[in-house]
PDB file of all heavy atoms in Angstrom:
ATOM      1  N   PHE A   1       0.836  -1.199   0.000  1.00  0.00           N
ATOM      2  CA  PHE A   1       0.000   0.000   0.000  1.00  0.00           C
ATOM      3  C   PHE A   1       0.872   1.252   0.000  1.00  0.00           C
ATOM      4  O   PHE A   1       0.612   2.209  -0.727  1.00  0.00           O
ATOM      5  CB  PHE A   1      -0.931  -0.035   1.221  1.00  0.00           C
ATOM      6  CG  PHE A   1      -1.776   1.185   1.389  1.00  0.00           C
ATOM      7  CD1 PHE A   1      -2.683   1.566   0.414  1.00  0.00           C
ATOM      8  CD2 PHE A   1      -1.682   1.948   2.541  1.00  0.00           C
ATOM      9  CE1 PHE A   1      -3.483   2.694   0.580  1.00  0.00           C
ATOM     10  CE2 PHE A   1      -2.479   3.074   2.720  1.00  0.00           C
ATOM     11  CZ  PHE A   1      -3.373   3.454   1.734  1.00  0.00           C
ATOM     12  N   GLY A   2       1.947   1.239   0.785  1.00  0.00           N
ATOM     13  CA  GLY A   2       2.847   2.388   0.867  1.00  0.00           C
ATOM     14  C   GLY A   2       3.562   2.691  -0.432  1.00  0.00           C
ATOM     15  O   GLY A   2       3.859   3.844  -0.735  1.00  0.00           O
ATOM     16  N   GLN A   3       3.846   1.652  -1.236  1.00  0.00           N
ATOM     17  CA  GLN A   3       4.530   1.842  -2.515  1.00  0.00           C
ATOM     18  C   GLN A   3       3.564   2.183  -3.638  1.00  0.00           C
ATOM     19  O   GLN A   3       3.964   2.698  -4.664  1.00  0.00           O
ATOM     20  CB  GLN A   3       5.256   0.551  -2.916  1.00  0.00           C
ATOM     21  CG  GLN A   3       6.362   0.131  -2.008  1.00  0.00           C
ATOM     22  CD  GLN A   3       6.843  -1.280  -2.361  1.00  0.00           C
ATOM     23  OE1 GLN A   3       6.055  -2.172  -2.640  1.00  0.00           O
ATOM     24  NE2 GLN A   3       8.151  -1.466  -2.311  1.00  0.00           N
ATOM     25  N   CYS A   4       2.298   1.865  -3.452  1.00  0.00           N
ATOM     26  CA  CYS A   4       1.348   1.950  -4.558  1.00  0.00           C
ATOM     27  C   CYS A   4       0.373   3.116  -4.385  1.00  0.00           C
ATOM     28  O   CYS A   4       0.631   4.213  -4.853  1.00  0.00           O
ATOM     29  CB  CYS A   4       0.602   0.615  -4.674  1.00  0.00           C
ATOM     30  SG  CYS A   4      -0.395   0.448  -6.162  1.00  0.00           S
ATOM     31  N   CYS A   5      -0.747   2.889  -3.719  1.00  0.00           N
ATOM     32  CA  CYS A   5      -1.833   3.875  -3.681  1.00  0.00           C
ATOM     33  C   CYS A   5      -1.736   4.901  -2.545  1.00  0.00           C
ATOM     34  O   CYS A   5      -2.288   5.990  -2.671  1.00  0.00           O
ATOM     35  CB  CYS A   5      -3.183   3.150  -3.607  1.00  0.00           C
ATOM     36  SG  CYS A   5      -3.567   2.257  -5.142  1.00  0.00           S
ATOM     37  N   ALA A   6      -1.057   4.569  -1.471  1.00  0.00           N
ATOM     38  CA  ALA A   6      -1.000   5.487  -0.322  1.00  0.00           C
ATOM     39  C   ALA A   6      -0.489   6.878  -0.685  1.00  0.00           C
ATOM     40  O   ALA A   6      -1.094   7.873  -0.273  1.00  0.00           O
ATOM     41  CB  ALA A   6      -0.169   4.890   0.810  1.00  0.00           C
ATOM     42  N   PRO A   7       0.606   7.007  -1.456  1.00  0.00           N
ATOM     43  CA  PRO A   7       1.085   8.359  -1.769  1.00  0.00           C
ATOM     44  C   PRO A   7       0.055   9.218  -2.518  1.00  0.00           C
ATOM     45  O   PRO A   7       0.031  10.439  -2.365  1.00  0.00           O
ATOM     46  CB  PRO A   7       2.321   8.109  -2.638  1.00  0.00           C
ATOM     47  CG  PRO A   7       2.761   6.730  -2.292  1.00  0.00           C
ATOM     48  CD  PRO A   7       1.501   5.974  -1.990  1.00  0.00           C
ATOM     49  N   PHE A   8      -0.814   8.578  -3.310  1.00  0.00           N
ATOM     50  CA  PHE A   8      -1.842   9.330  -4.031  1.00  0.00           C
ATOM     51  C   PHE A   8      -2.972   9.732  -3.090  1.00  0.00           C
ATOM     52  O   PHE A   8      -3.429  10.870  -3.096  1.00  0.00           O
ATOM     53  CB  PHE A   8      -2.390   8.509  -5.197  1.00  0.00           C
ATOM     54  CG  PHE A   8      -1.324   8.033  -6.155  1.00  0.00           C
ATOM     55  CD1 PHE A   8      -1.277   6.711  -6.557  1.00  0.00           C
ATOM     56  CD2 PHE A   8      -0.358   8.903  -6.650  1.00  0.00           C
ATOM     57  CE1 PHE A   8      -0.291   6.277  -7.440  1.00  0.00           C
ATOM     58  CE2 PHE A   8       0.621   8.478  -7.524  1.00  0.00           C
ATOM     59  CZ  PHE A   8       0.656   7.148  -7.920  1.00  0.00           C
ATOM     60  N   ILE A   9      -3.404   8.779  -2.268  1.00  0.00           N
ATOM     61  CA  ILE A   9      -4.534   9.029  -1.363  1.00  0.00           C
ATOM     62  C   ILE A   9      -4.180  10.073  -0.310  1.00  0.00           C
ATOM     63  O   ILE A   9      -5.015  10.900   0.055  1.00  0.00           O
ATOM     64  CB  ILE A   9      -5.026   7.708  -0.747  1.00  0.00           C
ATOM     65  CG1 ILE A   9      -5.668   6.839  -1.857  1.00  0.00           C
ATOM     66  CG2 ILE A   9      -6.011   7.945   0.382  1.00  0.00           C
ATOM     67  CD1 ILE A   9      -6.018   5.434  -1.436  1.00  0.00           C
ATOM     68  N   THR A  10      -2.936  10.058   0.142  1.00  0.00           N
ATOM     69  CA  THR A  10      -2.508  11.034   1.151  1.00  0.00           C
ATOM     70  C   THR A  10      -2.159  12.392   0.548  1.00  0.00           C
ATOM     71  O   THR A  10      -1.948  13.357   1.270  1.00  0.00           O
ATOM     72  CB  THR A  10      -1.278  10.523   1.934  1.00  0.00           C
ATOM     73  OG1 THR A  10      -0.194  10.333   1.011  1.00  0.00           O
ATOM     74  CG2 THR A  10      -1.593   9.241   2.692  1.00  0.00           C
ATOM     75  N   GLY A  11      -2.066  12.465  -0.781  1.00  0.00           N
ATOM     76  CA  GLY A  11      -1.738  13.725  -1.443  1.00  0.00           C
ATOM     77  C   GLY A  11      -0.247  13.975  -1.591  1.00  0.00           C
ATOM     78  O   GLY A  11       0.156  15.035  -2.056  1.00  0.00           O
ATOM     79  N   GLU A  12       0.588  13.000  -1.212  1.00  0.00           N
ATOM     80  CA  GLU A  12       2.036  13.161  -1.350  1.00  0.00           C
ATOM     81  C   GLU A  12       2.460  13.169  -2.818  1.00  0.00           C
ATOM     82  O   GLU A  12       3.462  13.783  -3.169  1.00  0.00           O
ATOM     83  CB  GLU A  12       2.773  12.042  -0.613  1.00  0.00           C
ATOM     84  CG  GLU A  12       2.599  12.086   0.887  1.00  0.00           C
ATOM     85  CD  GLU A  12       3.188  10.857   1.558  1.00  0.00           C
ATOM     86  OE1 GLU A  12       4.170  10.276   1.040  1.00  0.00           O
ATOM     87  OE2 GLU A  12       2.654  10.456   2.608  1.00  0.00           O
ATOM     88  N   GLN A  13       1.702  12.443  -3.653  1.00  0.00           N
ATOM     89  CA  GLN A  13       1.982  12.382  -5.082  1.00  0.00           C
ATOM     90  C   GLN A  13       0.675  12.520  -5.849  1.00  0.00           C
ATOM     91  O   GLN A  13      -0.402  12.304  -5.300  1.00  0.00           O
ATOM     92  CB  GLN A  13       2.635  11.044  -5.455  1.00  0.00           C
ATOM     93  CG  GLN A  13       4.010  10.828  -4.885  1.00  0.00           C
ATOM     94  CD  GLN A  13       4.566   9.459  -5.287  1.00  0.00           C
ATOM     95  OE1 GLN A  13       4.096   8.826  -6.228  1.00  0.00           O
ATOM     96  NE2 GLN A  13       5.571   9.004  -4.552  1.00  0.00           N
ATOM     97  N   ILE A  14       0.800  12.846  -7.117  1.00  0.00           N
ATOM     98  CA  ILE A  14      -0.355  12.942  -8.013  1.00  0.00           C
ATOM     99  C   ILE A  14      -0.249  11.785  -9.013  1.00  0.00           C
ATOM    100  O   ILE A  14       0.820  11.581  -9.595  1.00  0.00           O
ATOM    101  CB  ILE A  14      -0.348  14.290  -8.763  1.00  0.00           C
ATOM    102  CG1 ILE A  14      -0.482  15.438  -7.780  1.00  0.00           C
ATOM    103  CG2 ILE A  14      -1.463  14.332  -9.799  1.00  0.00           C
ATOM    104  CD1 ILE A  14      -0.258  16.803  -8.401  1.00  0.00           C
ATOM    105  N   PRO A  15      -1.321  11.029  -9.230  1.00  0.00           N
ATOM    106  CA  PRO A  15      -1.261   9.952 -10.219  1.00  0.00           C
ATOM    107  C   PRO A  15      -0.847  10.492 -11.589  1.00  0.00           C
ATOM    108  O   PRO A  15      -1.365  11.509 -12.046  1.00  0.00           O
ATOM    109  CB  PRO A  15      -2.694   9.406 -10.254  1.00  0.00           C
ATOM    110  CG  PRO A  15      -3.265   9.773  -8.918  1.00  0.00           C
ATOM    111  CD  PRO A  15      -2.640  11.085  -8.573  1.00  0.00           C
ATOM    112  N   GLU A  16       0.096   9.799 -12.223  1.00  0.00           N
ATOM    113  CA  GLU A  16       0.610  10.236 -13.517  1.00  0.00           C
ATOM    114  C   GLU A  16      -0.149   9.647 -14.690  1.00  0.00           C
ATOM    115  O   GLU A  16       0.020  10.098 -15.823  1.00  0.00           O
ATOM    116  CB  GLU A  16       2.096   9.880 -13.633  1.00  0.00           C
ATOM    117  CG  GLU A  16       2.957  10.612 -12.628  1.00  0.00           C
ATOM    118  CD  GLU A  16       4.419  10.192 -12.698  1.00  0.00           C
ATOM    119  OE1 GLU A  16       4.806   9.451 -13.638  1.00  0.00           O
ATOM    120  OE2 GLU A  16       5.179  10.607 -11.814  1.00  0.00           O
ATOM    121  N   THR A  17      -0.973   8.620 -14.437  1.00  0.00           N
ATOM    122  CA  THR A  17      -1.728   7.965 -15.505  1.00  0.00           C
ATOM    123  C   THR A  17      -3.154   7.688 -15.030  1.00  0.00           C
ATOM    124  O   THR A  17      -3.409   7.621 -13.817  1.00  0.00           O
ATOM    125  CB  THR A  17      -1.089   6.622 -15.908  1.00  0.00           C
ATOM    126  OG1 THR A  17      -1.212   5.711 -14.810  1.00  0.00           O
ATOM    127  CG2 THR A  17       0.378   6.776 -16.311  1.00  0.00           C
ATOM    128  N   PRO A  18      -4.080   7.505 -15.967  1.00  0.00           N
ATOM    129  CA  PRO A  18      -5.430   7.104 -15.565  1.00  0.00           C
ATOM    130  C   PRO A  18      -5.428   5.776 -14.795  1.00  0.00           C
ATOM    131  O   PRO A  18      -6.227   5.595 -13.872  1.00  0.00           O
ATOM    132  CB  PRO A  18      -6.180   6.974 -16.896  1.00  0.00           C
ATOM    133  CG  PRO A  18      -5.446   7.863 -17.834  1.00  0.00           C
ATOM    134  CD  PRO A  18      -4.005   7.771 -17.415  1.00  0.00           C
ATOM    135  N   GLY A  19      -4.534   4.857 -15.153  1.00  0.00           N
ATOM    136  CA  GLY A  19      -4.450   3.579 -14.443  1.00  0.00           C
ATOM    137  C   GLY A  19      -4.082   3.756 -12.976  1.00  0.00           C
ATOM    138  O   GLY A  19      -4.659   3.104 -12.096  1.00  0.00           O
ATOM    139  N   GLN A  20      -3.118   4.619 -12.697  1.00  0.00           N
ATOM    140  CA  GLN A  20      -2.752   4.890 -11.301  1.00  0.00           C
ATOM    141  C   GLN A  20      -3.932   5.514 -10.559  1.00  0.00           C
ATOM    142  O   GLN A  20      -4.197   5.170  -9.409  1.00  0.00           O
ATOM    143  CB  GLN A  20      -1.541   5.826 -11.227  1.00  0.00           C
ATOM    144  CG  GLN A  20      -0.244   5.180 -11.593  1.00  0.00           C
ATOM    145  CD  GLN A  20       0.920   6.158 -11.531  1.00  0.00           C
ATOM    146  OE1 GLN A  20       0.764   7.366 -11.775  1.00  0.00           O
ATOM    147  NE2 GLN A  20       2.098   5.639 -11.213  1.00  0.00           N
ATOM    148  N   LEU A  21      -4.634   6.432 -11.229  1.00  0.00           N
ATOM    149  CA  LEU A  21      -5.786   7.055 -10.590  1.00  0.00           C
ATOM    150  C   LEU A  21      -6.879   6.021 -10.336  1.00  0.00           C
ATOM    151  O   LEU A  21      -7.476   5.993  -9.262  1.00  0.00           O
ATOM    152  CB  LEU A  21      -6.324   8.218 -11.422  1.00  0.00           C
ATOM    153  CG  LEU A  21      -7.521   8.953 -10.826  1.00  0.00           C
ATOM    154  CD1 LEU A  21      -7.214   9.488  -9.427  1.00  0.00           C
ATOM    155  CD2 LEU A  21      -7.972  10.069 -11.745  1.00  0.00           C
ATOM    156  N   MET A  22      -7.118   5.144 -11.309  1.00  0.00           N
ATOM    157  CA  MET A  22      -8.150   4.106 -11.134  1.00  0.00           C
ATOM    158  C   MET A  22      -7.819   3.211  -9.959  1.00  0.00           C
ATOM    159  O   MET A  22      -8.677   2.911  -9.123  1.00  0.00           O
ATOM    160  CB  MET A  22      -8.268   3.278 -12.419  1.00  0.00           C
ATOM    161  CG  MET A  22      -9.301   2.188 -12.378  1.00  0.00           C
ATOM    162  SD  MET A  22     -10.961   2.860 -12.280  1.00  0.00           S
ATOM    163  CE  MET A  22     -11.422   2.289 -10.683  1.00  0.00           C
ATOM    164  N   ARG A  23      -6.578   2.747  -9.876  1.00  0.00           N
ATOM    165  CA  ARG A  23      -6.168   1.883  -8.756  1.00  0.00           C
ATOM    166  C   ARG A  23      -6.356   2.600  -7.420  1.00  0.00           C
ATOM    167  O   ARG A  23      -6.861   2.029  -6.465  1.00  0.00           O
ATOM    168  CB  ARG A  23      -4.720   1.428  -8.923  1.00  0.00           C
ATOM    169  CG  ARG A  23      -4.535   0.418 -10.022  1.00  0.00           C
ATOM    170  CD  ARG A  23      -3.082  -0.090 -10.106  1.00  0.00           C
ATOM    171  NE  ARG A  23      -2.966  -1.116 -11.105  1.00  0.00           N
ATOM    172  CZ  ARG A  23      -3.347  -2.373 -10.974  1.00  0.00           C
ATOM    173  NH1 ARG A  23      -3.877  -2.773  -9.835  1.00  0.00           N
ATOM    174  NH2 ARG A  23      -3.215  -3.238 -11.954  1.00  0.00           N
ATOM    175  N   SER A  24      -5.962   3.857  -7.360  1.00  0.00           N
ATOM    176  CA  SER A  24      -6.076   4.587  -6.094  1.00  0.00           C
ATOM    177  C   SER A  24      -7.538   4.855  -5.755  1.00  0.00           C
ATOM    178  O   SER A  24      -7.915   4.844  -4.577  1.00  0.00           O
ATOM    179  CB  SER A  24      -5.267   5.884  -6.127  1.00  0.00           C
ATOM    180  OG  SER A  24      -5.761   6.796  -7.080  1.00  0.00           O
ATOM    181  N   ARG A  25      -8.379   5.052  -6.744  1.00  0.00           N
ATOM    182  CA  ARG A  25      -9.811   5.240  -6.477  1.00  0.00           C
ATOM    183  C   ARG A  25     -10.432   3.937  -5.970  1.00  0.00           C
ATOM    184  O   ARG A  25     -11.236   3.951  -5.044  1.00  0.00           O
ATOM    185  CB  ARG A  25     -10.536   5.746  -7.734  1.00  0.00           C
ATOM    186  CG  ARG A  25     -10.267   7.222  -8.012  1.00  0.00           C
ATOM    187  CD  ARG A  25     -10.914   7.689  -9.292  1.00  0.00           C
ATOM    188  NE  ARG A  25     -12.356   7.499  -9.313  1.00  0.00           N
ATOM    189  CZ  ARG A  25     -13.255   8.361  -8.824  1.00  0.00           C
ATOM    190  NH1 ARG A  25     -12.846   9.512  -8.283  1.00  0.00           N
ATOM    191  NH2 ARG A  25     -14.546   8.111  -8.899  1.00  0.00           N
ATOM    192  N   TYR A  26     -10.054   2.809  -6.557  1.00  0.00           N
ATOM    193  CA  TYR A  26     -10.543   1.518  -6.047  1.00  0.00           C
ATOM    194  C   TYR A  26     -10.127   1.367  -4.576  1.00  0.00           C
ATOM    195  O   TYR A  26     -10.942   1.012  -3.722  1.00  0.00           O
ATOM    196  CB  TYR A  26      -9.999   0.346  -6.883  1.00  0.00           C
ATOM    197  CG  TYR A  26     -10.291  -0.983  -6.228  1.00  0.00           C
ATOM    198  CD1 TYR A  26     -11.516  -1.613  -6.418  1.00  0.00           C
ATOM    199  CD2 TYR A  26      -9.366  -1.594  -5.392  1.00  0.00           C
ATOM    200  CE1 TYR A  26     -11.808  -2.816  -5.798  1.00  0.00           C
ATOM    201  CE2 TYR A  26      -9.644  -2.793  -4.762  1.00  0.00           C
ATOM    202  CZ  TYR A  26     -10.864  -3.395  -4.969  1.00  0.00           C
ATOM    203  OH  TYR A  26     -11.145  -4.587  -4.333  1.00  0.00           O
ATOM    204  N   THR A  27      -8.866   1.637  -4.298  1.00  0.00           N
ATOM    205  CA  THR A  27      -8.373   1.522  -2.923  1.00  0.00           C
ATOM    206  C   THR A  27      -9.120   2.478  -2.002  1.00  0.00           C
ATOM    207  O   THR A  27      -9.446   2.126  -0.867  1.00  0.00           O
ATOM    208  CB  THR A  27      -6.849   1.752  -2.877  1.00  0.00           C
ATOM    209  OG1 THR A  27      -6.225   0.722  -3.659  1.00  0.00           O
ATOM    210  CG2 THR A  27      -6.311   1.703  -1.458  1.00  0.00           C
ATOM    211  N   ALA A  28      -9.442   3.673  -2.474  1.00  0.00           N
ATOM    212  CA  ALA A  28     -10.222   4.618  -1.669  1.00  0.00           C
ATOM    213  C   ALA A  28     -11.605   4.046  -1.356  1.00  0.00           C
ATOM    214  O   ALA A  28     -12.123   4.231  -0.252  1.00  0.00           O
ATOM    215  CB  ALA A  28     -10.334   5.965  -2.377  1.00  0.00           C
ATOM    216  N   TYR A  29     -12.206   3.331  -2.315  1.00  0.00           N
ATOM    217  CA  TYR A  29     -13.489   2.678  -2.038  1.00  0.00           C
ATOM    218  C   TYR A  29     -13.327   1.641  -0.932  1.00  0.00           C
ATOM    219  O   TYR A  29     -14.198   1.523  -0.064  1.00  0.00           O
ATOM    220  CB  TYR A  29     -14.071   2.016  -3.289  1.00  0.00           C
ATOM    221  CG  TYR A  29     -14.912   2.933  -4.127  1.00  0.00           C
ATOM    222  CD1 TYR A  29     -14.461   3.390  -5.359  1.00  0.00           C
ATOM    223  CD2 TYR A  29     -16.163   3.344  -3.700  1.00  0.00           C
ATOM    224  CE1 TYR A  29     -15.235   4.236  -6.139  1.00  0.00           C
ATOM    225  CE2 TYR A  29     -16.946   4.193  -4.474  1.00  0.00           C
ATOM    226  CZ  TYR A  29     -16.474   4.632  -5.685  1.00  0.00           C
ATOM    227  OH  TYR A  29     -17.240   5.472  -6.452  1.00  0.00           O
ATOM    228  N   THR A  30     -12.229   0.894  -0.928  1.00  0.00           N
ATOM    229  CA  THR A  30     -12.030  -0.121   0.126  1.00  0.00           C
ATOM    230  C   THR A  30     -11.923   0.532   1.498  1.00  0.00           C
ATOM    231  O   THR A  30     -12.169  -0.111   2.501  1.00  0.00           O
ATOM    232  CB  THR A  30     -10.786  -1.003  -0.126  1.00  0.00           C
ATOM    233  OG1 THR A  30      -9.585  -0.259   0.096  1.00  0.00           O
ATOM    234  CG2 THR A  30     -10.806  -1.626  -1.508  1.00  0.00           C
ATOM    235  N   GLN A  31     -11.553   1.784   1.530  1.00  0.00           N
ATOM    236  CA  GLN A  31     -11.420   2.543   2.777  1.00  0.00           C
ATOM    237  C   GLN A  31     -12.612   3.461   3.030  1.00  0.00           C
ATOM    238  O   GLN A  31     -12.631   4.175   4.029  1.00  0.00           O
ATOM    239  CB  GLN A  31     -10.151   3.395   2.732  1.00  0.00           C
ATOM    240  CG  GLN A  31      -8.884   2.611   2.569  1.00  0.00           C
ATOM    241  CD  GLN A  31      -7.685   3.522   2.393  1.00  0.00           C
ATOM    242  OE1 GLN A  31      -7.773   4.666   1.953  1.00  0.00           O
ATOM    243  NE2 GLN A  31      -6.528   3.002   2.761  1.00  0.00           N
TER     244      GLN A  31
END
C-alpha cells in the first residue's frame, strides 16, 4: 500500500496515468 496507492490518497503524489488514478480510487473505495 505504501509503494502503490497510499502516496496518491494522502496527497504526497499525483497519479501520472489514468491507471494509477483508477487503482487509487478503487483503494479509496475499500477505505
